[in-house]
Amino acid sequence: GYATAKAFAEEGARITLVSRRAEALEEAAGRLTSGTGAEVGWH
């Protein structure tokens, strides 16, 4: 899931990440944003 979100982000897509744990999502969203410059949200 994370690898797929990253690949879409690298293509310039806007991403929403979804899973159970807010802490893990916040950390993953931060990594994606800093690594790709994409707009990344989470739920």
ModelCIF file with pLDDT and N, C-alpha, C, O atoms, coordinates in Angstrom:
data_MODEL
#
_entry.id   MODEL 
#
_entity.id                         1 
_entity.type                       polymer 
_entity.pdbx_number_of_molecules   1 
#
_entity_poly.entity_id                      1 
_entity_poly.type                           'polypeptide(L)' 
_entity_poly.nstd_linkage                   no 
_entity_poly.nstd_monomer                   no 
_entity_poly.pdbx_seq_one_letter_code       GYATAKAFAEEGARITLVSRRAEALEEAAGRLTSGTGAEVGWH 
_entity_poly.pdbx_seq_one_letter_code_can   GYATAKAFAEEGARITLVSRRAEALEEAAGRLTSGTGAEVGWH 
_entity_poly.pdbx_strand_id                 A 
#
loop_
_entity_poly_seq.entity_id 
_entity_poly_seq.num 
_entity_poly_seq.mon_id 
_entity_poly_seq.hetero 
1 1  GLY n 
1 2  TYR n 
1 3  ALA n 
1 4  THR n 
1 5  ALA n 
1 6  LYS n 
1 7  ALA n 
1 8  PHE n 
1 9  ALA n 
1 10 GLU n 
1 11 GLU n 
1 12 GLY n 
1 13 ALA n 
1 14 ARG n 
1 15 ILE n 
1 16 THR n 
1 17 LEU n 
1 18 VAL n 
1 19 SER n 
1 20 ARG n 
1 21 ARG n 
1 22 ALA n 
1 23 GLU n 
1 24 ALA n 
1 25 LEU n 
1 26 GLU n 
1 27 GLU n 
1 28 ALA n 
1 29 ALA n 
1 30 GLY n 
1 31 ARG n 
1 32 LEU n 
1 33 THR n 
1 34 SER n 
1 35 GLY n 
1 36 THR n 
1 37 GLY n 
1 38 ALA n 
1 39 GLU n 
1 40 VAL n 
1 41 GLY n 
1 42 TRP n 
1 43 HIS n 
#
_struct_asym.id          A 
_struct_asym.entity_id   1 
#
loop_
_ma_qa_metric.id 
_ma_qa_metric.mode 
_ma_qa_metric.name 
_ma_qa_metric.software_group_id 
_ma_qa_metric.type 
1 global pLDDT . pLDDT 
2 local  pLDDT . pLDDT 
#
_ma_qa_metric_global.metric_id      1 
_ma_qa_metric_global.metric_value   97.33 
_ma_qa_metric_global.model_id       1 
_ma_qa_metric_global.ordinal_id     1 
#
loop_
_ma_qa_metric_local.label_asym_id 
_ma_qa_metric_local.label_comp_id 
_ma_qa_metric_local.label_seq_id 
_ma_qa_metric_local.metric_id 
_ma_qa_metric_local.metric_value 
_ma_qa_metric_local.model_id 
_ma_qa_metric_local.ordinal_id 
A GLY 1  2 97.00 1 1  
A TYR 2  2 97.00 1 2  
A ALA 3  2 97.00 1 3  
A THR 4  2 98.00 1 4  
A ALA 5  2 98.00 1 5  
A LYS 6  2 98.00 1 6  
A ALA 7  2 98.00 1 7  
A PHE 8  2 98.00 1 8  
A ALA 9  2 98.00 1 9  
A GLU 10 2 98.00 1 10 
A GLU 11 2 98.00 1 11 
A GLY 12 2 97.00 1 12 
A ALA 13 2 98.00 1 13 
A ARG 14 2 98.00 1 14 
A ILE 15 2 98.00 1 15 
A THR 16 2 98.00 1 16 
A LEU 17 2 98.00 1 17 
A VAL 18 2 98.00 1 18 
A SER 19 2 97.00 1 19 
A ARG 20 2 96.00 1 20 
A ARG 21 2 96.00 1 21 
A ALA 22 2 97.00 1 22 
A GLU 23 2 97.00 1 23 
A ALA 24 2 97.00 1 24 
A LEU 25 2 98.00 1 25 
A GLU 26 2 97.00 1 26 
A GLU 27 2 97.00 1 27 
A ALA 28 2 97.00 1 28 
A ALA 29 2 97.00 1 29 
A GLY 30 2 97.00 1 30 
A ARG 31 2 97.00 1 31 
A LEU 32 2 97.00 1 32 
A THR 33 2 97.00 1 33 
A SER 34 2 97.00 1 34 
A GLY 35 2 95.00 1 35 
A THR 36 2 97.00 1 36 
A GLY 37 2 96.00 1 37 
A ALA 38 2 97.00 1 38 
A GLU 39 2 97.00 1 39 
A VAL 40 2 98.00 1 40 
A GLY 41 2 98.00 1 41 
A TRP 42 2 98.00 1 42 
A HIS 43 2 98.00 1 43 
#
loop_
_atom_site.group_PDB 
_atom_site.id 
_atom_site.type_symbol 
_atom_site.label_atom_id 
_atom_site.label_alt_id 
_atom_site.label_comp_id 
_atom_site.label_asym_id 
_atom_site.label_entity_id 
_atom_site.label_seq_id 
_atom_site.pdbx_PDB_ins_code 
_atom_site.Cartn_x 
_atom_site.Cartn_y 
_atom_site.Cartn_z 
_atom_site.occupancy 
_atom_site.B_iso_or_equiv 
_atom_site.pdbx_formal_charge 
_atom_site.auth_seq_id 
_atom_site.auth_comp_id 
_atom_site.auth_asym_id 
_atom_site.auth_atom_id 
_atom_site.pdbx_PDB_model_num 
ATOM 1   N N  . GLY A 1 1  ? 0.819  -1.215 0.000   1.00 97.00 ? 1  GLY A N  1 
ATOM 2   C CA . GLY A 1 1  ? 0.000  0.000  0.000   1.00 97.00 ? 1  GLY A CA 1 
ATOM 3   C C  . GLY A 1 1  ? 0.849  1.259  0.000   1.00 97.00 ? 1  GLY A C  1 
ATOM 4   O O  . GLY A 1 1  ? 0.601  2.180  -0.778  1.00 97.00 ? 1  GLY A O  1 
ATOM 5   N N  . TYR A 1 2  ? 1.848  1.301  0.869   1.00 97.00 ? 2  TYR A N  1 
ATOM 6   C CA . TYR A 1 2  ? 2.722  2.477  0.926   1.00 97.00 ? 2  TYR A CA 1 
ATOM 7   C C  . TYR A 1 2  ? 3.508  2.624  -0.372  1.00 97.00 ? 2  TYR A C  1 
ATOM 8   O O  . TYR A 1 2  ? 3.625  3.728  -0.903  1.00 97.00 ? 2  TYR A O  1 
ATOM 9   N N  . ALA A 1 3  ? 4.045  1.526  -0.884  1.00 97.00 ? 3  ALA A N  1 
ATOM 10  C CA . ALA A 1 3  ? 4.806  1.591  -2.135  1.00 97.00 ? 3  ALA A CA 1 
ATOM 11  C C  . ALA A 1 3  ? 3.929  2.086  -3.279  1.00 97.00 ? 3  ALA A C  1 
ATOM 12  O O  . ALA A 1 3  ? 4.390  2.842  -4.134  1.00 97.00 ? 3  ALA A O  1 
ATOM 13  N N  . THR A 1 4  ? 2.673  1.666  -3.298  1.00 98.00 ? 4  THR A N  1 
ATOM 14  C CA . THR A 1 4  ? 1.753  2.107  -4.351  1.00 98.00 ? 4  THR A CA 1 
ATOM 15  C C  . THR A 1 4  ? 1.453  3.591  -4.219  1.00 98.00 ? 4  THR A C  1 
ATOM 16  O O  . THR A 1 4  ? 1.452  4.318  -5.213  1.00 98.00 ? 4  THR A O  1 
ATOM 17  N N  . ALA A 1 5  ? 1.200  4.040  -3.011  1.00 98.00 ? 5  ALA A N  1 
ATOM 18  C CA . ALA A 1 5  ? 0.962  5.470  -2.791  1.00 98.00 ? 5  ALA A CA 1 
ATOM 19  C C  . ALA A 1 5  ? 2.174  6.289  -3.232  1.00 98.00 ? 5  ALA A C  1 
ATOM 20  O O  . ALA A 1 5  ? 2.021  7.340  -3.856  1.00 98.00 ? 5  ALA A O  1 
ATOM 21  N N  . LYS A 1 6  ? 3.350  5.821  -2.917  1.00 98.00 ? 6  LYS A N  1 
ATOM 22  C CA . LYS A 1 6  ? 4.584  6.529  -3.289  1.00 98.00 ? 6  LYS A CA 1 
ATOM 23  C C  . LYS A 1 6  ? 4.730  6.605  -4.809  1.00 98.00 ? 6  LYS A C  1 
ATOM 24  O O  . LYS A 1 6  ? 5.096  7.647  -5.350  1.00 98.00 ? 6  LYS A O  1 
ATOM 25  N N  . ALA A 1 7  ? 4.442  5.498  -5.491  1.00 98.00 ? 7  ALA A N  1 
ATOM 26  C CA . ALA A 1 7  ? 4.569  5.486  -6.948  1.00 98.00 ? 7  ALA A CA 1 
ATOM 27  C C  . ALA A 1 7  ? 3.586  6.453  -7.595  1.00 98.00 ? 7  ALA A C  1 
ATOM 28  O O  . ALA A 1 7  ? 3.932  7.133  -8.562  1.00 98.00 ? 7  ALA A O  1 
ATOM 29  N N  . PHE A 1 8  ? 2.367  6.523  -7.075  1.00 98.00 ? 8  PHE A N  1 
ATOM 30  C CA . PHE A 1 8  ? 1.408  7.499  -7.609  1.00 98.00 ? 8  PHE A CA 1 
ATOM 31  C C  . PHE A 1 8  ? 1.858  8.918  -7.296  1.00 98.00 ? 8  PHE A C  1 
ATOM 32  O O  . PHE A 1 8  ? 1.735  9.805  -8.140  1.00 98.00 ? 8  PHE A O  1 
ATOM 33  N N  . ALA A 1 9  ? 2.381  9.143  -6.088  1.00 98.00 ? 9  ALA A N  1 
ATOM 34  C CA . ALA A 1 9  ? 2.848  10.473 -5.711  1.00 98.00 ? 9  ALA A CA 1 
ATOM 35  C C  . ALA A 1 9  ? 3.969  10.935 -6.632  1.00 98.00 ? 9  ALA A C  1 
ATOM 36  O O  . ALA A 1 9  ? 4.036  12.109 -6.995  1.00 98.00 ? 9  ALA A O  1 
ATOM 37  N N  . GLU A 1 10 ? 4.838  10.022 -7.006  1.00 98.00 ? 10 GLU A N  1 
ATOM 38  C CA . GLU A 1 10 ? 5.941  10.372 -7.901  1.00 98.00 ? 10 GLU A CA 1 
ATOM 39  C C  . GLU A 1 10 ? 5.461  10.744 -9.296  1.00 98.00 ? 10 GLU A C  1 
ATOM 40  O O  . GLU A 1 10 ? 6.186  11.380 -10.061 1.00 98.00 ? 10 GLU A O  1 
ATOM 41  N N  . GLU A 1 11 ? 4.231  10.343 -9.623  1.00 98.00 ? 11 GLU A N  1 
ATOM 42  C CA . GLU A 1 11 ? 3.632  10.731 -10.907 1.00 98.00 ? 11 GLU A CA 1 
ATOM 43  C C  . GLU A 1 11 ? 2.837  12.027 -10.799 1.00 98.00 ? 11 GLU A C  1 
ATOM 44  O O  . GLU A 1 11 ? 2.200  12.455 -11.762 1.00 98.00 ? 11 GLU A O  1 
ATOM 45  N N  . GLY A 1 12 ? 2.877  12.656 -9.612  1.00 97.00 ? 12 GLY A N  1 
ATOM 46  C CA . GLY A 1 12 ? 2.198  13.933 -9.441  1.00 97.00 ? 12 GLY A CA 1 
ATOM 47  C C  . GLY A 1 12 ? 0.780  13.838 -8.942  1.00 97.00 ? 12 GLY A C  1 
ATOM 48  O O  . GLY A 1 12 ? 0.055  14.832 -8.954  1.00 97.00 ? 12 GLY A O  1 
ATOM 49  N N  . ALA A 1 13 ? 0.362  12.653 -8.499  1.00 98.00 ? 13 ALA A N  1 
ATOM 50  C CA . ALA A 1 13 ? -0.998 12.496 -7.992  1.00 98.00 ? 13 ALA A CA 1 
ATOM 51  C C  . ALA A 1 13 ? -1.119 13.061 -6.577  1.00 98.00 ? 13 ALA A C  1 
ATOM 52  O O  . ALA A 1 13 ? -0.125 13.232 -5.872  1.00 98.00 ? 13 ALA A O  1 
ATOM 53  N N  . ARG A 1 14 ? -2.351 13.343 -6.185  1.00 98.00 ? 14 ARG A N  1 
ATOM 54  C CA . ARG A 1 14 ? -2.674 13.756 -4.813  1.00 98.00 ? 14 ARG A CA 1 
ATOM 55  C C  . ARG A 1 14 ? -3.125 12.504 -4.070  1.00 98.00 ? 14 ARG A C  1 
ATOM 56  O O  . ARG A 1 14 ? -3.966 11.755 -4.569  1.00 98.00 ? 14 ARG A O  1 
ATOM 57  N N  . ILE A 1 15 ? -2.579 12.274 -2.893  1.00 98.00 ? 15 ILE A N  1 
ATOM 58  C CA . ILE A 1 15 ? -2.730 10.982 -2.226  1.00 98.00 ? 15 ILE A CA 1 
ATOM 59  C C  . ILE A 1 15 ? -3.501 11.105 -0.918  1.00 98.00 ? 15 ILE A C  1 
ATOM 60  O O  . ILE A 1 15 ? -3.304 12.052 -0.156  1.00 98.00 ? 15 ILE A O  1 
ATOM 61  N N  . THR A 1 16 ? -4.386 10.134 -0.665  1.00 98.00 ? 16 THR A N  1 
ATOM 62  C CA . THR A 1 16 ? -4.977 9.939  0.655   1.00 98.00 ? 16 THR A CA 1 
ATOM 63  C C  . THR A 1 16 ? -4.638 8.532  1.121   1.00 98.00 ? 16 THR A C  1 
ATOM 64  O O  . THR A 1 16 ? -4.999 7.545  0.478   1.00 98.00 ? 16 THR A O  1 
ATOM 65  N N  . LEU A 1 17 ? -3.935 8.453  2.254   1.00 98.00 ? 17 LEU A N  1 
ATOM 66  C CA . LEU A 1 17 ? -3.552 7.178  2.851   1.00 98.00 ? 17 LEU A CA 1 
ATOM 67  C C  . LEU A 1 17 ? -4.596 6.751  3.877   1.00 98.00 ? 17 LEU A C  1 
ATOM 68  O O  . LEU A 1 17 ? -5.101 7.577  4.637   1.00 98.00 ? 17 LEU A O  1 
ATOM 69  N N  . VAL A 1 18 ? -4.914 5.473  3.898   1.00 98.00 ? 18 VAL A N  1 
ATOM 70  C CA . VAL A 1 18 ? -5.907 4.961  4.847   1.00 98.00 ? 18 VAL A CA 1 
ATOM 71  C C  . VAL A 1 18 ? -5.375 3.686  5.498   1.00 98.00 ? 18 VAL A C  1 
ATOM 72  O O  . VAL A 1 18 ? -4.887 2.786  4.814   1.00 98.00 ? 18 VAL A O  1 
ATOM 73  N N  . SER A 1 19 ? -5.473 3.618  6.821   1.00 97.00 ? 19 SER A N  1 
ATOM 74  C CA . SER A 1 19 ? -5.235 2.373  7.563   1.00 97.00 ? 19 SER A CA 1 
ATOM 75  C C  . SER A 1 19 ? -5.768 2.584  8.973   1.00 97.00 ? 19 SER A C  1 
ATOM 76  O O  . SER A 1 19 ? -6.425 3.590  9.244   1.00 97.00 ? 19 SER A O  1 
ATOM 77  N N  . ARG A 1 20 ? -5.494 1.656  9.861   1.00 96.00 ? 20 ARG A N  1 
ATOM 78  C CA . ARG A 1 20 ? -6.057 1.729  11.211  1.00 96.00 ? 20 ARG A CA 1 
ATOM 79  C C  . ARG A 1 20 ? -5.373 2.770  12.089  1.00 96.00 ? 20 ARG A C  1 
ATOM 80  O O  . ARG A 1 20 ? -6.051 3.521  12.791  1.00 96.00 ? 20 ARG A O  1 
ATOM 81  N N  . ARG A 1 21 ? -4.043 2.830  12.064  1.00 96.00 ? 21 ARG A N  1 
ATOM 82  C CA . ARG A 1 21 ? -3.279 3.559  13.086  1.00 96.00 ? 21 ARG A CA 1 
ATOM 83  C C  . ARG A 1 21 ? -2.906 4.963  12.623  1.00 96.00 ? 21 ARG A C  1 
ATOM 84  O O  . ARG A 1 21 ? -2.184 5.134  11.641  1.00 96.00 ? 21 ARG A O  1 
ATOM 85  N N  . ALA A 1 22 ? -3.408 5.962  13.343  1.00 97.00 ? 22 ALA A N  1 
ATOM 86  C CA . ALA A 1 22 ? -3.146 7.357  12.992  1.00 97.00 ? 22 ALA A CA 1 
ATOM 87  C C  . ALA A 1 22 ? -1.657 7.688  13.039  1.00 97.00 ? 22 ALA A C  1 
ATOM 88  O O  . ALA A 1 22 ? -1.152 8.414  12.183  1.00 97.00 ? 22 ALA A O  1 
ATOM 89  N N  . GLU A 1 23 ? -0.954 7.154  14.041  1.00 97.00 ? 23 GLU A N  1 
ATOM 90  C CA . GLU A 1 23 ? 0.468  7.474  14.178  1.00 97.00 ? 23 GLU A CA 1 
ATOM 91  C C  . GLU A 1 23 ? 1.265  6.987  12.974  1.00 97.00 ? 23 GLU A C  1 
ATOM 92  O O  . GLU A 1 23 ? 2.118  7.704  12.451  1.00 97.00 ? 23 GLU A O  1 
ATOM 93  N N  . ALA A 1 24 ? 0.982  5.775  12.544  1.00 97.00 ? 24 ALA A N  1 
ATOM 94  C CA . ALA A 1 24 ? 1.692  5.220  11.387  1.00 97.00 ? 24 ALA A CA 1 
ATOM 95  C C  . ALA A 1 24 ? 1.351  5.994  10.121  1.00 97.00 ? 24 ALA A C  1 
ATOM 96  O O  . ALA A 1 24 ? 2.219  6.216  9.276   1.00 97.00 ? 24 ALA A O  1 
ATOM 97  N N  . LEU A 1 25 ? 0.105  6.402  9.985   1.00 98.00 ? 25 LEU A N  1 
ATOM 98  C CA . LEU A 1 25 ? -0.305 7.163  8.806   1.00 98.00 ? 25 LEU A CA 1 
ATOM 99  C C  . LEU A 1 25 ? 0.355  8.535  8.768   1.00 98.00 ? 25 LEU A C  1 
ATOM 100 O O  . LEU A 1 25 ? 0.811  8.983  7.716   1.00 98.00 ? 25 LEU A O  1 
ATOM 101 N N  . GLU A 1 26 ? 0.405  9.192  9.907   1.00 97.00 ? 26 GLU A N  1 
ATOM 102 C CA . GLU A 1 26 ? 1.026  10.516 9.968   1.00 97.00 ? 26 GLU A CA 1 
ATOM 103 C C  . GLU A 1 26 ? 2.500  10.430 9.582   1.00 97.00 ? 26 GLU A C  1 
ATOM 104 O O  . GLU A 1 26 ? 3.010  11.275 8.847   1.00 97.00 ? 26 GLU A O  1 
ATOM 105 N N  . GLU A 1 27 ? 3.175  9.401  10.087  1.00 97.00 ? 27 GLU A N  1 
ATOM 106 C CA . GLU A 1 27 ? 4.593  9.228  9.771   1.00 97.00 ? 27 GLU A CA 1 
ATOM 107 C C  . GLU A 1 27 ? 4.783  8.909  8.285   1.00 97.00 ? 27 GLU A C  1 
ATOM 108 O O  . GLU A 1 27 ? 5.685  9.448  7.642   1.00 97.00 ? 27 GLU A O  1 
ATOM 109 N N  . ALA A 1 28 ? 3.930  8.032  7.741   1.00 97.00 ? 28 ALA A N  1 
ATOM 110 C CA . ALA A 1 28 ? 4.030  7.670  6.326   1.00 97.00 ? 28 ALA A CA 1 
ATOM 111 C C  . ALA A 1 28 ? 3.741  8.872  5.428   1.00 97.00 ? 28 ALA A C  1 
ATOM 112 O O  . ALA A 1 28 ? 4.420  9.080  4.422   1.00 97.00 ? 28 ALA A O  1 
ATOM 113 N N  . ALA A 1 29 ? 2.733  9.658  5.797   1.00 97.00 ? 29 ALA A N  1 
ATOM 114 C CA . ALA A 1 29 ? 2.395  10.847 5.007   1.00 97.00 ? 29 ALA A CA 1 
ATOM 115 C C  . ALA A 1 29 ? 3.547  11.841 5.002   1.00 97.00 ? 29 ALA A C  1 
ATOM 116 O O  . ALA A 1 29 ? 3.837  12.457 3.976   1.00 97.00 ? 29 ALA A O  1 
ATOM 117 N N  . GLY A 1 30 ? 4.205  11.998 6.149   1.00 97.00 ? 30 GLY A N  1 
ATOM 118 C CA . GLY A 1 30 ? 5.349  12.897 6.218   1.00 97.00 ? 30 GLY A CA 1 
ATOM 119 C C  . GLY A 1 30 ? 6.485  12.450 5.329   1.00 97.00 ? 30 GLY A C  1 
ATOM 120 O O  . GLY A 1 30 ? 7.115  13.268 4.658   1.00 97.00 ? 30 GLY A O  1 
ATOM 121 N N  . ARG A 1 31 ? 6.753  11.143 5.320   1.00 97.00 ? 31 ARG A N  1 
ATOM 122 C CA . ARG A 1 31 ? 7.821  10.619 4.464   1.00 97.00 ? 31 ARG A CA 1 
ATOM 123 C C  . ARG A 1 31 ? 7.492  10.826 2.985   1.00 97.00 ? 31 ARG A C  1 
ATOM 124 O O  . ARG A 1 31 ? 8.360  11.190 2.192   1.00 97.00 ? 31 ARG A O  1 
ATOM 125 N N  . LEU A 1 32 ? 6.242  10.593 2.631   1.00 97.00 ? 32 LEU A N  1 
ATOM 126 C CA . LEU A 1 32 ? 5.848  10.769 1.230   1.00 97.00 ? 32 LEU A CA 1 
ATOM 127 C C  . LEU A 1 32 ? 5.945  12.230 0.800   1.00 97.00 ? 32 LEU A C  1 
ATOM 128 O O  . LEU A 1 32 ? 6.450  12.534 -0.280  1.00 97.00 ? 32 LEU A O  1 
ATOM 129 N N  . THR A 1 33 ? 5.467  13.113 1.635   1.00 97.00 ? 33 THR A N  1 
ATOM 130 C CA . THR A 1 33 ? 5.501  14.526 1.288   1.00 97.00 ? 33 THR A CA 1 
ATOM 131 C C  . THR A 1 33 ? 6.934  15.023 1.109   1.00 97.00 ? 33 THR A C  1 
ATOM 132 O O  . THR A 1 33 ? 7.249  15.716 0.141   1.00 97.00 ? 33 THR A O  1 
ATOM 133 N N  . SER A 1 34 ? 7.794  14.657 2.056   1.00 97.00 ? 34 SER A N  1 
ATOM 134 C CA . SER A 1 34 ? 9.179  15.124 1.977   1.00 97.00 ? 34 SER A CA 1 
ATOM 135 C C  . SER A 1 34 ? 9.925  14.465 0.829   1.00 97.00 ? 34 SER A C  1 
ATOM 136 O O  . SER A 1 34 ? 10.820 15.072 0.241   1.00 97.00 ? 34 SER A O  1 
ATOM 137 N N  . GLY A 1 35 ? 9.567  13.236 0.508   1.00 95.00 ? 35 GLY A N  1 
ATOM 138 C CA . GLY A 1 35 ? 10.284 12.515 -0.534  1.00 95.00 ? 35 GLY A CA 1 
ATOM 139 C C  . GLY A 1 35 ? 9.828  12.803 -1.943  1.00 95.00 ? 35 GLY A C  1 
ATOM 140 O O  . GLY A 1 35 ? 10.606 12.668 -2.887  1.00 95.00 ? 35 GLY A O  1 
ATOM 141 N N  . THR A 1 36 ? 8.565  13.203 -2.104  1.00 97.00 ? 36 THR A N  1 
ATOM 142 C CA . THR A 1 36 ? 8.019  13.397 -3.455  1.00 97.00 ? 36 THR A CA 1 
ATOM 143 C C  . THR A 1 36 ? 7.508  14.804 -3.719  1.00 97.00 ? 36 THR A C  1 
ATOM 144 O O  . THR A 1 36 ? 7.361  15.207 -4.872  1.00 97.00 ? 36 THR A O  1 
ATOM 145 N N  . GLY A 1 37 ? 7.237  15.553 -2.656  1.00 96.00 ? 37 GLY A N  1 
ATOM 146 C CA . GLY A 1 37 ? 6.646  16.875 -2.826  1.00 96.00 ? 37 GLY A CA 1 
ATOM 147 C C  . GLY A 1 37 ? 5.159  16.835 -3.111  1.00 96.00 ? 37 GLY A C  1 
ATOM 148 O O  . GLY A 1 37 ? 4.551  17.873 -3.375  1.00 96.00 ? 37 GLY A O  1 
ATOM 149 N N  . ALA A 1 38 ? 4.562  15.648 -3.061  1.00 97.00 ? 38 ALA A N  1 
ATOM 150 C CA . ALA A 1 38 ? 3.138  15.509 -3.366  1.00 97.00 ? 38 ALA A CA 1 
ATOM 151 C C  . ALA A 1 38 ? 2.275  15.994 -2.206  1.00 97.00 ? 38 ALA A C  1 
ATOM 152 O O  . ALA A 1 38 ? 2.735  16.102 -1.069  1.00 97.00 ? 38 ALA A O  1 
ATOM 153 N N  . GLU A 1 39 ? 1.024  16.281 -2.519  1.00 97.00 ? 39 GLU A N  1 
ATOM 154 C CA . GLU A 1 39 ? 0.028  16.591 -1.498  1.00 97.00 ? 39 GLU A CA 1 
ATOM 155 C C  . GLU A 1 39 ? -0.493 15.268 -0.945  1.00 97.00 ? 39 GLU A C  1 
ATOM 156 O O  . GLU A 1 39 ? -1.084 14.472 -1.674  1.00 97.00 ? 39 GLU A O  1 
ATOM 157 N N  . VAL A 1 40 ? -0.270 15.039 0.349   1.00 98.00 ? 40 VAL A N  1 
ATOM 158 C CA . VAL A 1 40 ? -0.615 13.752 0.955   1.00 98.00 ? 40 VAL A CA 1 
ATOM 159 C C  . VAL A 1 40 ? -1.451 13.979 2.207   1.00 98.00 ? 40 VAL A C  1 
ATOM 160 O O  . VAL A 1 40 ? -1.031 14.680 3.128   1.00 98.00 ? 40 VAL A O  1 
ATOM 161 N N  . GLY A 1 41 ? -2.630 13.386 2.233   1.00 98.00 ? 41 GLY A N  1 
ATOM 162 C CA . GLY A 1 41 ? -3.472 13.400 3.420   1.00 98.00 ? 41 GLY A CA 1 
ATOM 163 C C  . GLY A 1 41 ? -3.670 11.986 3.927   1.00 98.00 ? 41 GLY A C  1 
ATOM 164 O O  . GLY A 1 41 ? -3.219 11.026 3.302   1.00 98.00 ? 41 GLY A O  1 
ATOM 165 N N  . TRP A 1 42 ? -4.342 11.859 5.057   1.00 98.00 ? 42 TRP A N  1 
ATOM 166 C CA . TRP A 1 42 ? -4.556 10.526 5.598   1.00 98.00 ? 42 TRP A CA 1 
ATOM 167 C C  . TRP A 1 42 ? -5.850 10.468 6.395   1.00 98.00 ? 42 TRP A C  1 
ATOM 168 O O  . TRP A 1 42 ? -6.394 11.485 6.825   1.00 98.00 ? 42 TRP A O  1 
ATOM 169 N N  . HIS A 1 43 ? -6.324 9.232  6.577   1.00 98.00 ? 43 HIS A N  1 
ATOM 170 C CA . HIS A 1 43 ? -7.568 8.999  7.314   1.00 98.00 ? 43 HIS A CA 1 
ATOM 171 C C  . HIS A 1 43 ? -7.429 7.676  8.049   1.00 98.00 ? 43 HIS A C  1 
ATOM 172 O O  . HIS A 1 43 ? -8.354 7.257  8.746   1.00 98.00 ? 43 HIS A O  1 
#
